[in-house]
Amino acid sequence: MLAKSQVFEMEILRYLTITLFVIWCASEIIITLISAINKSTASSTGADKFSFFIVWLSTIPPILFAYLIQKHFIFSNGFGSFSTQFRFLGYLGCLFIAFGVTIRLIAVATLKRQFITKVTIIEKHMIVEAGIYKVIRHPAYLGYLASLFGIGLVLGNWVGLTVLVVLPLLGILYRIHVEESVLLGYFGSAYQEYANRTKRLLPRIW
């Protein structure tokens, strides 16, 4: 039997989680609209190789799976659940969601008209080295993965968390491979020099 203070704390966490998930969904909608506007106002050459589709395929099903696991529709005994034992992980997850949304939006704003959700070379494309791009080459993907990690934490199940980390990461790694191959082919040594000065996702690590 949970004490009233514990029930109150869990209610706060639940509403905070719902609010942040709605904000994450809204941010992705806004980002998609920005991409559509940018693509419609500039001539471009696509080289996506289905990476956009692969990223979303590696994201939406894992979110649904993690949610179903958390609700115990599949494992009625709460297999893998840590939501009641380690509630602080739920708050940590909220921080990751907020951090991820913030980093992703900053990255999109920094790229300005060059941001398009599919791997694309636009007219007068340039290597952006301003702001966070001075340190890492794919901050938008870092933010994306951080938010998904946070969602996994707030859902409170190790199985769901593992799925929400591994599958989207594989999709993003493929996307990075495609994107960097295209940019290296377009900019040549200039992009290679930029790559030598920066890391892909984690500052000073990788």
C-alpha atoms as a PDB file:
ATOM      1  CA  MET A   1       0.000   0.000   0.000  1.00  0.00           C
ATOM      2  CA  LEU A   2       1.529   3.318  -1.062  1.00  0.00           C
ATOM      3  CA  ALA A   3       1.537   6.283   1.318  1.00  0.00           C
ATOM      4  CA  LYS A   4      -0.353   9.434   0.324  1.00  0.00           C
ATOM      5  CA  SER A   5       2.938  11.256  -0.262  1.00  0.00           C
ATOM      6  CA  GLN A   6       4.084   8.511  -2.631  1.00  0.00           C
ATOM      7  CA  VAL A   7       0.791   8.596  -4.518  1.00  0.00           C
ATOM      8  CA  PHE A   8       1.048  12.387  -4.818  1.00  0.00           C
ATOM      9  CA  GLU A   9       4.630  12.123  -6.052  1.00  0.00           C
ATOM     10  CA  MET A  10       3.661   9.547  -8.671  1.00  0.00           C
ATOM     11  CA  GLU A  11       0.805  11.776  -9.865  1.00  0.00           C
ATOM     12  CA  ILE A  12       3.206  14.696 -10.290  1.00  0.00           C
ATOM     13  CA  LEU A  13       5.568  12.488 -12.266  1.00  0.00           C
ATOM     14  CA  ARG A  14       2.715  11.199 -14.416  1.00  0.00           C
ATOM     15  CA  TYR A  15       1.493  14.677 -15.370  1.00  0.00           C
ATOM     16  CA  LEU A  16       5.044  15.884 -15.936  1.00  0.00           C
ATOM     17  CA  THR A  17       5.705  12.911 -18.184  1.00  0.00           C
ATOM     18  CA  ILE A  18       2.532  13.474 -20.223  1.00  0.00           C
ATOM     19  CA  THR A  19       3.329  17.171 -20.617  1.00  0.00           C
ATOM     20  CA  LEU A  20       6.878  16.517 -21.806  1.00  0.00           C
ATOM     21  CA  PHE A  21       5.769  13.778 -24.199  1.00  0.00           C
ATOM     22  CA  VAL A  22       3.238  16.174 -25.740  1.00  0.00           C
ATOM     23  CA  ILE A  23       5.979  18.803 -26.036  1.00  0.00           C
ATOM     24  CA  TRP A  24       8.251  16.245 -27.728  1.00  0.00           C
ATOM     25  CA  CYS A  25       5.517  15.296 -30.207  1.00  0.00           C
ATOM     26  CA  ALA A  26       4.758  18.981 -30.890  1.00  0.00           C
ATOM     27  CA  SER A  27       8.449  19.736 -31.438  1.00  0.00           C
ATOM     28  CA  GLU A  28       8.722  16.930 -33.997  1.00  0.00           C
ATOM     29  CA  ILE A  29       5.671  18.278 -35.830  1.00  0.00           C
ATOM     30  CA  ILE A  30       7.177  21.773 -35.858  1.00  0.00           C
ATOM     31  CA  ILE A  31      10.498  20.395 -37.103  1.00  0.00           C
ATOM     32  CA  THR A  32       8.711  18.531 -39.900  1.00  0.00           C
ATOM     33  CA  LEU A  33       6.904  21.723 -40.947  1.00  0.00           C
ATOM     34  CA  ILE A  34      10.177  23.691 -40.929  1.00  0.00           C
ATOM     35  CA  SER A  35      11.723  21.015 -43.125  1.00  0.00           C
ATOM     36  CA  ALA A  36       8.803  21.131 -45.561  1.00  0.00           C
ATOM     37  CA  ILE A  37       9.041  24.923 -45.825  1.00  0.00           C
ATOM     38  CA  ASN A  38      12.807  24.835 -46.371  1.00  0.00           C
ATOM     39  CA  LYS A  39      12.504  22.158 -49.032  1.00  0.00           C
ATOM     40  CA  SER A  40       9.770  24.050 -50.883  1.00  0.00           C
ATOM     41  CA  THR A  41      11.769  27.293 -51.066  1.00  0.00           C
ATOM     42  CA  ALA A  42      15.067  25.918 -52.365  1.00  0.00           C
ATOM     43  CA  SER A  43      16.178  23.746 -55.237  1.00  0.00           C
ATOM     44  CA  SER A  44      17.697  20.563 -53.873  1.00  0.00           C
ATOM     45  CA  THR A  45      19.116  17.159 -54.683  1.00  0.00           C
ATOM     46  CA  GLY A  46      17.993  14.232 -52.552  1.00  0.00           C
ATOM     47  CA  ALA A  47      20.287  11.382 -51.508  1.00  0.00           C
ATOM     48  CA  ASP A  48      18.401   9.969 -48.550  1.00  0.00           C
ATOM     49  CA  LYS A  49      18.653   6.236 -49.340  1.00  0.00           C
ATOM     50  CA  PHE A  50      15.544   5.574 -47.223  1.00  0.00           C
ATOM     51  CA  SER A  51      17.333   6.778 -44.064  1.00  0.00           C
ATOM     52  CA  PHE A  52      14.385   9.000 -43.058  1.00  0.00           C
ATOM     53  CA  PHE A  53      12.022   6.043 -43.311  1.00  0.00           C
ATOM     54  CA  ILE A  54      14.446   3.772 -41.445  1.00  0.00           C
ATOM     55  CA  VAL A  55      14.832   6.261 -38.577  1.00  0.00           C
ATOM     56  CA  TRP A  56      11.080   6.533 -38.084  1.00  0.00           C
ATOM     57  CA  LEU A  57      10.615   2.778 -38.481  1.00  0.00           C
ATOM     58  CA  SER A  58      13.193   2.299 -35.732  1.00  0.00           C
ATOM     59  CA  THR A  59      11.385   4.831 -33.516  1.00  0.00           C
ATOM     60  CA  ILE A  60       7.585   4.537 -33.652  1.00  0.00           C
ATOM     61  CA  PRO A  61       7.245   0.735 -33.146  1.00  0.00           C
ATOM     62  CA  PRO A  62       9.712   0.768 -30.201  1.00  0.00           C
ATOM     63  CA  ILE A  63       7.741   3.586 -28.517  1.00  0.00           C
ATOM     64  CA  LEU A  64       4.506   1.621 -28.921  1.00  0.00           C
ATOM     65  CA  PHE A  65       6.192  -1.556 -27.688  1.00  0.00           C
ATOM     66  CA  ALA A  66       7.642   0.202 -24.632  1.00  0.00           C
ATOM     67  CA  TYR A  67       4.226   1.668 -23.843  1.00  0.00           C
ATOM     68  CA  LEU A  68       2.520  -1.715 -24.120  1.00  0.00           C
ATOM     69  CA  ILE A  69       5.131  -3.301 -21.867  1.00  0.00           C
ATOM     70  CA  GLN A  70       4.677  -0.519 -19.314  1.00  0.00           C
ATOM     71  CA  LYS A  71       0.910  -1.054 -19.309  1.00  0.00           C
ATOM     72  CA  HIS A  72       1.444  -4.808 -18.893  1.00  0.00           C
ATOM     73  CA  PHE A  73      -0.857  -5.730 -21.767  1.00  0.00           C
ATOM     74  CA  ILE A  74       1.684  -8.358 -22.765  1.00  0.00           C
ATOM     75  CA  PHE A  75       3.440  -9.126 -19.453  1.00  0.00           C
ATOM     76  CA  SER A  76       0.698  -8.925 -16.849  1.00  0.00           C
ATOM     77  CA  ASN A  77       3.159  -9.639 -14.009  1.00  0.00           C
ATOM     78  CA  GLY A  78       5.087  -6.433 -14.705  1.00  0.00           C
ATOM     79  CA  PHE A  79       8.122  -8.158 -16.212  1.00  0.00           C
ATOM     80  CA  GLY A  80      11.106  -5.774 -16.270  1.00  0.00           C
ATOM     81  CA  SER A  81       9.334  -2.978 -14.402  1.00  0.00           C
ATOM     82  CA  PHE A  82      11.341  -0.526 -12.293  1.00  0.00           C
ATOM     83  CA  SER A  83       8.809   2.320 -12.160  1.00  0.00           C
ATOM     84  CA  THR A  84       7.763   1.772  -8.549  1.00  0.00           C
ATOM     85  CA  GLN A  85      11.176   0.833  -7.122  1.00  0.00           C
ATOM     86  CA  PHE A  86      13.194   3.652  -8.715  1.00  0.00           C
ATOM     87  CA  ARG A  87      10.892   6.633  -9.211  1.00  0.00           C
ATOM     88  CA  PHE A  88      13.874   9.007  -9.439  1.00  0.00           C
ATOM     89  CA  LEU A  89      14.621   7.427 -12.825  1.00  0.00           C
ATOM     90  CA  GLY A  90      11.301   8.821 -13.995  1.00  0.00           C
ATOM     91  CA  TYR A  91      12.405  12.344 -13.084  1.00  0.00           C
ATOM     92  CA  LEU A  92      15.762  11.678 -14.727  1.00  0.00           C
ATOM     93  CA  GLY A  93      13.871  10.603 -17.834  1.00  0.00           C
ATOM     94  CA  CYS A  94      11.962  13.896 -17.821  1.00  0.00           C
ATOM     95  CA  LEU A  95      15.263  15.765 -17.748  1.00  0.00           C
ATOM     96  CA  PHE A  96      16.521  13.754 -20.730  1.00  0.00           C
ATOM     97  CA  ILE A  97      13.352  14.503 -22.711  1.00  0.00           C
ATOM     98  CA  ALA A  98      13.635  18.237 -21.974  1.00  0.00           C
ATOM     99  CA  PHE A  99      17.357  18.220 -22.793  1.00  0.00           C
ATOM    100  CA  GLY A 100      16.771  16.316 -26.025  1.00  0.00           C
ATOM    101  CA  VAL A 101      14.004  18.619 -27.254  1.00  0.00           C
ATOM    102  CA  THR A 102      16.091  21.689 -26.431  1.00  0.00           C
ATOM    103  CA  ILE A 103      19.249  20.457 -28.179  1.00  0.00           C
ATOM    104  CA  ARG A 104      17.294  19.316 -31.232  1.00  0.00           C
ATOM    105  CA  LEU A 105      15.488  22.644 -31.629  1.00  0.00           C
ATOM    106  CA  ILE A 106      18.744  24.586 -31.169  1.00  0.00           C
ATOM    107  CA  ALA A 107      20.350  22.431 -33.873  1.00  0.00           C
ATOM    108  CA  VAL A 108      17.457  23.038 -36.271  1.00  0.00           C
ATOM    109  CA  ALA A 109      17.528  26.784 -35.596  1.00  0.00           C
ATOM    110  CA  THR A 110      21.296  26.884 -36.203  1.00  0.00           C
ATOM    111  CA  LEU A 111      20.997  25.163 -39.573  1.00  0.00           C
ATOM    112  CA  LYS A 112      18.260  27.601 -40.634  1.00  0.00           C
ATOM    113  CA  ARG A 113      17.227  27.033 -44.267  1.00  0.00           C
ATOM    114  CA  GLN A 114      19.584  24.059 -44.622  1.00  0.00           C
ATOM    115  CA  PHE A 115      17.569  21.917 -42.247  1.00  0.00           C
ATOM    116  CA  ILE A 116      15.622  19.234 -44.117  1.00  0.00           C
ATOM    117  CA  THR A 117      14.532  15.944 -42.570  1.00  0.00           C
ATOM    118  CA  LYS A 118      15.746  13.924 -45.549  1.00  0.00           C
ATOM    119  CA  VAL A 119      19.407  13.863 -46.547  1.00  0.00           C
ATOM    120  CA  THR A 120      19.520  16.617 -49.135  1.00  0.00           C
ATOM    121  CA  ILE A 121      22.006  18.967 -50.753  1.00  0.00           C
ATOM    122  CA  ILE A 122      20.398  22.348 -51.361  1.00  0.00           C
ATOM    123  CA  GLU A 123      21.522  25.164 -53.632  1.00  0.00           C
ATOM    124  CA  LYS A 124      24.496  27.054 -52.127  1.00  0.00           C
ATOM    125  CA  HIS A 125      24.844  24.449 -49.386  1.00  0.00           C
ATOM    126  CA  MET A 126      27.466  25.318 -46.762  1.00  0.00           C
ATOM    127  CA  ILE A 127      29.194  23.532 -43.888  1.00  0.00           C
ATOM    128  CA  VAL A 128      27.687  24.957 -40.693  1.00  0.00           C
ATOM    129  CA  GLU A 129      30.221  25.347 -37.899  1.00  0.00           C
ATOM    130  CA  ALA A 130      28.345  27.826 -35.699  1.00  0.00           C
ATOM    131  CA  GLY A 131      27.150  27.196 -32.154  1.00  0.00           C
ATOM    132  CA  ILE A 132      26.923  23.578 -31.092  1.00  0.00           C
ATOM    133  CA  TYR A 133      28.165  22.485 -34.526  1.00  0.00           C
ATOM    134  CA  LYS A 134      31.623  23.648 -33.465  1.00  0.00           C
ATOM    135  CA  VAL A 135      31.741  20.646 -31.138  1.00  0.00           C
ATOM    136  CA  ILE A 136      29.605  17.884 -32.677  1.00  0.00           C
ATOM    137  CA  ARG A 137      28.400  17.305 -36.216  1.00  0.00           C
ATOM    138  CA  HIS A 138      24.959  15.836 -35.473  1.00  0.00           C
ATOM    139  CA  PRO A 139      23.429  17.597 -32.452  1.00  0.00           C
ATOM    140  CA  ALA A 140      19.883  17.120 -33.763  1.00  0.00           C
ATOM    141  CA  TYR A 141      20.378  13.356 -33.641  1.00  0.00           C
ATOM    142  CA  LEU A 142      21.875  13.597 -30.158  1.00  0.00           C
ATOM    143  CA  GLY A 143      18.764  15.437 -29.013  1.00  0.00           C
ATOM    144  CA  TYR A 144      16.539  12.883 -30.715  1.00  0.00           C
ATOM    145  CA  LEU A 145      18.249   9.936 -29.003  1.00  0.00           C
ATOM    146  CA  ALA A 146      18.307  11.723 -25.625  1.00  0.00           C
ATOM    147  CA  SER A 147      14.541  12.263 -25.776  1.00  0.00           C
ATOM    148  CA  LEU A 148      13.895   8.622 -26.642  1.00  0.00           C
ATOM    149  CA  PHE A 149      16.147   7.503 -23.788  1.00  0.00           C
ATOM    150  CA  GLY A 150      14.141   9.760 -21.503  1.00  0.00           C
ATOM    151  CA  ILE A 151      10.866   8.316 -22.755  1.00  0.00           C
ATOM    152  CA  GLY A 152      12.200   4.848 -22.004  1.00  0.00           C
ATOM    153  CA  LEU A 153      13.099   5.885 -18.452  1.00  0.00           C
ATOM    154  CA  VAL A 154       9.721   7.461 -17.676  1.00  0.00           C
ATOM    155  CA  LEU A 155       7.871   4.425 -19.003  1.00  0.00           C
ATOM    156  CA  GLY A 156       9.712   2.480 -16.309  1.00  0.00           C
ATOM    157  CA  ASN A 157      10.563  -0.863 -17.872  1.00  0.00           C
ATOM    158  CA  TRP A 158      14.020  -2.266 -18.638  1.00  0.00           C
ATOM    159  CA  VAL A 159      12.784  -4.190 -21.669  1.00  0.00           C
ATOM    160  CA  GLY A 160      11.102  -1.144 -23.189  1.00  0.00           C
ATOM    161  CA  LEU A 161      14.096   1.049 -22.351  1.00  0.00           C
ATOM    162  CA  THR A 162      16.482  -1.347 -24.080  1.00  0.00           C
ATOM    163  CA  VAL A 163      14.339  -1.406 -27.211  1.00  0.00           C
ATOM    164  CA  LEU A 164      14.042   2.408 -27.177  1.00  0.00           C
ATOM    165  CA  VAL A 165      17.816   2.757 -26.978  1.00  0.00           C
ATOM    166  CA  VAL A 166      19.080   0.061 -29.334  1.00  0.00           C
ATOM    167  CA  LEU A 167      16.720   0.265 -32.332  1.00  0.00           C
ATOM    168  CA  PRO A 168      16.650   4.082 -32.743  1.00  0.00           C
ATOM    169  CA  LEU A 169      20.425   4.167 -32.275  1.00  0.00           C
ATOM    170  CA  LEU A 170      20.858   1.697 -35.131  1.00  0.00           C
ATOM    171  CA  GLY A 171      18.575   3.825 -37.316  1.00  0.00           C
ATOM    172  CA  ILE A 172      20.472   7.015 -36.458  1.00  0.00           C
ATOM    173  CA  LEU A 173      23.854   5.377 -37.096  1.00  0.00           C
ATOM    174  CA  TYR A 174      22.685   4.396 -40.574  1.00  0.00           C
ATOM    175  CA  ARG A 175      21.405   7.934 -41.120  1.00  0.00           C
ATOM    176  CA  ILE A 176      24.746   9.423 -40.047  1.00  0.00           C
ATOM    177  CA  HIS A 177      26.581   7.080 -42.423  1.00  0.00           C
ATOM    178  CA  VAL A 178      24.391   8.146 -45.345  1.00  0.00           C
ATOM    179  CA  GLU A 179      24.558  11.845 -44.479  1.00  0.00           C
ATOM    180  CA  GLU A 180      28.307  11.986 -43.974  1.00  0.00           C
ATOM    181  CA  SER A 181      28.941  10.055 -47.193  1.00  0.00           C
ATOM    182  CA  VAL A 182      26.859  12.600 -49.120  1.00  0.00           C
ATOM    183  CA  LEU A 183      28.496  15.614 -47.458  1.00  0.00           C
ATOM    184  CA  LEU A 184      31.989  14.199 -47.975  1.00  0.00           C
ATOM    185  CA  GLY A 185      31.206  13.574 -51.619  1.00  0.00           C
ATOM    186  CA  TYR A 186      29.886  17.125 -52.063  1.00  0.00           C
ATOM    187  CA  PHE A 187      32.419  19.148 -50.026  1.00  0.00           C
ATOM    188  CA  GLY A 188      35.421  16.838 -50.269  1.00  0.00           C
ATOM    189  CA  SER A 189      38.438  17.798 -48.158  1.00  0.00           C
ATOM    190  CA  ALA A 190      36.601  20.747 -46.546  1.00  0.00           C
ATOM    191  CA  TYR A 191      34.143  18.405 -44.855  1.00  0.00           C
ATOM    192  CA  GLN A 192      36.905  15.948 -43.950  1.00  0.00           C
ATOM    193  CA  GLU A 193      38.775  18.745 -42.176  1.00  0.00           C
ATOM    194  CA  TYR A 194      35.590  19.705 -40.309  1.00  0.00           C
ATOM    195  CA  ALA A 195      35.066  16.053 -39.356  1.00  0.00           C
ATOM    196  CA  ASN A 196      38.630  15.842 -38.049  1.00  0.00           C
ATOM    197  CA  ARG A 197      37.958  18.798 -35.714  1.00  0.00           C
ATOM    198  CA  THR A 198      34.652  17.537 -34.325  1.00  0.00           C
ATOM    199  CA  LYS A 199      32.899  14.442 -33.009  1.00  0.00           C
ATOM    200  CA  ARG A 200      29.713  12.931 -34.364  1.00  0.00           C
ATOM    201  CA  LEU A 201      27.416  12.788 -31.309  1.00  0.00           C
ATOM    202  CA  LEU A 202      29.324  12.964 -28.020  1.00  0.00           C
ATOM    203  CA  PRO A 203      31.848  15.767 -27.406  1.00  0.00           C
ATOM    204  CA  ARG A 204      35.419  14.448 -27.107  1.00  0.00           C
ATOM    205  CA  ILE A 205      34.168  10.841 -27.288  1.00  0.00           C
ATOM    206  CA  TRP A 206      32.613   9.936 -30.663  1.00  0.00           C
END
